[in-house]
Amino acid sequence: MAALSVAVDRDLDRSFTVVAFAGELSLATTPLVRAALLRCVAECPFTVVADLDNLLVTDRSALAVFPSVQHHHRHGPMVAMALCARPTTATGRVVRQILGHQLSVYP
């Protein structure tokens, strides 16, 4: 399995969670991404922010994990999900191209 690390930072005062991913996003690593995001969403912060700046997308179809998590949790409490990726990077460009119409993507 390709290397992927996940760091979670919770801001309880402002009720948001940042999940920073680093390494390769591939079909092999999507279960780890999905599990990390679902754990954070289950805690019911107002917003879960996925920081993708240190992510290398090696399989574009693996990006489907992000809207999948948002869809999976639609029937629970409303938790907004936002993606962050600089628009000047290859990852930022592909995230905006593929997911920009489904999820909010911020620099």
C-alpha atoms as a PDB file:
ATOM      1  CA  MET A   1       0.000   0.000   0.000  1.00  0.00           C
ATOM      2  CA  ALA A   2       1.251   3.480  -0.833  1.00  0.00           C
ATOM      3  CA  ALA A   3       2.211   5.777   2.006  1.00  0.00           C
ATOM      4  CA  LEU A   4      -0.403   8.201   3.276  1.00  0.00           C
ATOM      5  CA  SER A   5      -0.424  10.035   6.581  1.00  0.00           C
ATOM      6  CA  VAL A   6      -3.308  11.772   8.299  1.00  0.00           C
ATOM      7  CA  ALA A   7      -3.103  14.517  10.918  1.00  0.00           C
ATOM      8  CA  VAL A   8      -6.230  15.754  12.679  1.00  0.00           C
ATOM      9  CA  ASP A   9      -6.474  19.124  14.421  1.00  0.00           C
ATOM     10  CA  ARG A  10      -9.684  19.937  16.277  1.00  0.00           C
ATOM     11  CA  ASP A  11     -10.642  23.499  17.211  1.00  0.00           C
ATOM     12  CA  LEU A  12     -13.307  22.904  19.817  1.00  0.00           C
ATOM     13  CA  ASP A  13     -13.849  26.614  20.501  1.00  0.00           C
ATOM     14  CA  ARG A  14     -14.858  27.312  16.894  1.00  0.00           C
ATOM     15  CA  SER A  15     -16.206  23.808  16.193  1.00  0.00           C
ATOM     16  CA  PHE A  16     -14.187  22.840  13.156  1.00  0.00           C
ATOM     17  CA  THR A  17     -11.768  20.053  12.397  1.00  0.00           C
ATOM     18  CA  VAL A  18      -8.880  20.127   9.943  1.00  0.00           C
ATOM     19  CA  VAL A  19      -7.776  16.811   8.479  1.00  0.00           C
ATOM     20  CA  ALA A  20      -4.422  17.162   6.741  1.00  0.00           C
ATOM     21  CA  PHE A  21      -3.460  14.424   4.311  1.00  0.00           C
ATOM     22  CA  ALA A  22       0.090  13.859   3.067  1.00  0.00           C
ATOM     23  CA  GLY A  23       1.338  11.272   0.604  1.00  0.00           C
ATOM     24  CA  GLU A  24      -0.355   9.466  -2.250  1.00  0.00           C
ATOM     25  CA  LEU A  25      -4.073   9.384  -2.930  1.00  0.00           C
ATOM     26  CA  SER A  26      -4.799   6.199  -4.837  1.00  0.00           C
ATOM     27  CA  LEU A  27      -7.470   3.528  -4.791  1.00  0.00           C
ATOM     28  CA  ALA A  28      -5.320   1.708  -2.236  1.00  0.00           C
ATOM     29  CA  THR A  29      -5.310   4.663   0.184  1.00  0.00           C
ATOM     30  CA  THR A  30      -8.936   5.773  -0.142  1.00  0.00           C
ATOM     31  CA  PRO A  31     -10.113   3.520   2.727  1.00  0.00           C
ATOM     32  CA  LEU A  32      -7.785   5.395   5.085  1.00  0.00           C
ATOM     33  CA  VAL A  33      -9.033   8.764   3.790  1.00  0.00           C
ATOM     34  CA  ARG A  34     -12.656   7.679   4.102  1.00  0.00           C
ATOM     35  CA  ALA A  35     -12.215   6.323   7.630  1.00  0.00           C
ATOM     36  CA  ALA A  36     -10.422   9.460   8.830  1.00  0.00           C
ATOM     37  CA  LEU A  37     -13.073  11.770   7.387  1.00  0.00           C
ATOM     38  CA  LEU A  38     -15.994   9.724   8.690  1.00  0.00           C
ATOM     39  CA  ARG A  39     -14.499   9.690  12.195  1.00  0.00           C
ATOM     40  CA  CYS A  40     -14.222  13.467  12.111  1.00  0.00           C
ATOM     41  CA  VAL A  41     -17.705  13.989  10.664  1.00  0.00           C
ATOM     42  CA  ALA A  42     -19.177  11.694  13.341  1.00  0.00           C
ATOM     43  CA  GLU A  43     -17.940  14.130  16.005  1.00  0.00           C
ATOM     44  CA  CYS A  44     -20.364  16.705  14.521  1.00  0.00           C
ATOM     45  CA  PRO A  45     -18.239  19.833  14.206  1.00  0.00           C
ATOM     46  CA  PHE A  46     -19.737  22.627  12.106  1.00  0.00           C
ATOM     47  CA  THR A  47     -17.110  22.047   9.413  1.00  0.00           C
ATOM     48  CA  VAL A  48     -14.542  19.447   8.435  1.00  0.00           C
ATOM     49  CA  VAL A  49     -11.735  20.910   6.350  1.00  0.00           C
ATOM     50  CA  ALA A  50      -9.665  18.479   4.274  1.00  0.00           C
ATOM     51  CA  ASP A  51      -6.208  19.948   3.673  1.00  0.00           C
ATOM     52  CA  LEU A  52      -4.956  18.428   0.417  1.00  0.00           C
ATOM     53  CA  ASP A  53      -1.859  20.575  -0.144  1.00  0.00           C
ATOM     54  CA  ASN A  54       0.540  17.724   0.618  1.00  0.00           C
ATOM     55  CA  LEU A  55      -1.409  15.092  -1.273  1.00  0.00           C
ATOM     56  CA  LEU A  56      -0.260  13.582  -4.550  1.00  0.00           C
ATOM     57  CA  VAL A  57      -3.208  12.332  -6.602  1.00  0.00           C
ATOM     58  CA  THR A  58      -1.937   9.233  -8.381  1.00  0.00           C
ATOM     59  CA  ASP A  59      -5.396   8.046  -9.446  1.00  0.00           C
ATOM     60  CA  ARG A  60      -8.030  10.672 -10.254  1.00  0.00           C
ATOM     61  CA  SER A  61     -10.878   8.257  -9.571  1.00  0.00           C
ATOM     62  CA  ALA A  62      -9.742   8.113  -5.937  1.00  0.00           C
ATOM     63  CA  LEU A  63     -10.978  11.703  -5.533  1.00  0.00           C
ATOM     64  CA  ALA A  64     -14.505  10.265  -5.442  1.00  0.00           C
ATOM     65  CA  VAL A  65     -13.866   9.483  -1.768  1.00  0.00           C
ATOM     66  CA  PHE A  66     -14.563  13.127  -0.810  1.00  0.00           C
ATOM     67  CA  PRO A  67     -18.089  13.501  -2.250  1.00  0.00           C
ATOM     68  CA  SER A  68     -18.762   9.919  -1.140  1.00  0.00           C
ATOM     69  CA  VAL A  69     -18.127  10.874   2.491  1.00  0.00           C
ATOM     70  CA  GLN A  70     -20.287  13.972   2.125  1.00  0.00           C
ATOM     71  CA  HIS A  71     -23.087  11.868   0.595  1.00  0.00           C
ATOM     72  CA  HIS A  72     -22.724   9.088   3.175  1.00  0.00           C
ATOM     73  CA  HIS A  73     -23.334  11.500   6.028  1.00  0.00           C
ATOM     74  CA  ARG A  74     -26.257  13.391   4.456  1.00  0.00           C
ATOM     75  CA  HIS A  75     -28.789  11.676   6.694  1.00  0.00           C
ATOM     76  CA  GLY A  76     -27.049  12.632   9.941  1.00  0.00           C
ATOM     77  CA  PRO A  77     -26.442  16.038  11.478  1.00  0.00           C
ATOM     78  CA  MET A  78     -25.348  18.639   8.934  1.00  0.00           C
ATOM     79  CA  VAL A  79     -21.565  18.887   8.817  1.00  0.00           C
ATOM     80  CA  ALA A  80     -20.090  21.029   6.077  1.00  0.00           C
ATOM     81  CA  MET A  81     -17.045  19.693   4.279  1.00  0.00           C
ATOM     82  CA  ALA A  82     -14.542  21.929   2.549  1.00  0.00           C
ATOM     83  CA  LEU A  83     -11.439  20.995   0.598  1.00  0.00           C
ATOM     84  CA  CYS A  84      -8.301  23.127   0.658  1.00  0.00           C
ATOM     85  CA  ALA A  85      -5.697  22.929  -2.092  1.00  0.00           C
ATOM     86  CA  ARG A  86      -3.623  25.690  -3.614  1.00  0.00           C
ATOM     87  CA  PRO A  87      -4.816  26.390  -7.174  1.00  0.00           C
ATOM     88  CA  THR A  88      -1.231  26.667  -8.433  1.00  0.00           C
ATOM     89  CA  THR A  89      -0.346  23.030  -7.710  1.00  0.00           C
ATOM     90  CA  ALA A  90      -1.110  19.959  -9.806  1.00  0.00           C
ATOM     91  CA  THR A  91      -3.244  18.592  -6.973  1.00  0.00           C
ATOM     92  CA  GLY A  92      -5.121  21.877  -6.637  1.00  0.00           C
ATOM     93  CA  ARG A  93      -5.870  21.970 -10.351  1.00  0.00           C
ATOM     94  CA  VAL A  94      -7.112  18.383 -10.544  1.00  0.00           C
ATOM     95  CA  VAL A  95      -9.207  18.748  -7.377  1.00  0.00           C
ATOM     96  CA  ARG A  96     -10.912  21.850  -8.771  1.00  0.00           C
ATOM     97  CA  GLN A  97     -11.411  20.251 -12.174  1.00  0.00           C
ATOM     98  CA  ILE A  98     -12.961  17.060 -10.833  1.00  0.00           C
ATOM     99  CA  LEU A  99     -14.621  18.107  -7.567  1.00  0.00           C
ATOM    100  CA  GLY A 100     -15.165  21.854  -7.882  1.00  0.00           C
ATOM    101  CA  HIS A 101     -18.795  21.413  -8.911  1.00  0.00           C
ATOM    102  CA  GLN A 102     -19.560  19.021  -6.026  1.00  0.00           C
ATOM    103  CA  LEU A 103     -17.683  20.422  -3.022  1.00  0.00           C
ATOM    104  CA  SER A 104     -16.301  23.751  -1.917  1.00  0.00           C
ATOM    105  CA  VAL A 105     -12.608  24.032  -2.759  1.00  0.00           C
ATOM    106  CA  TYR A 106     -10.565  26.810  -1.168  1.00  0.00           C
ATOM    107  CA  PRO A 107      -6.935  27.867  -1.500  1.00  0.00           C
END
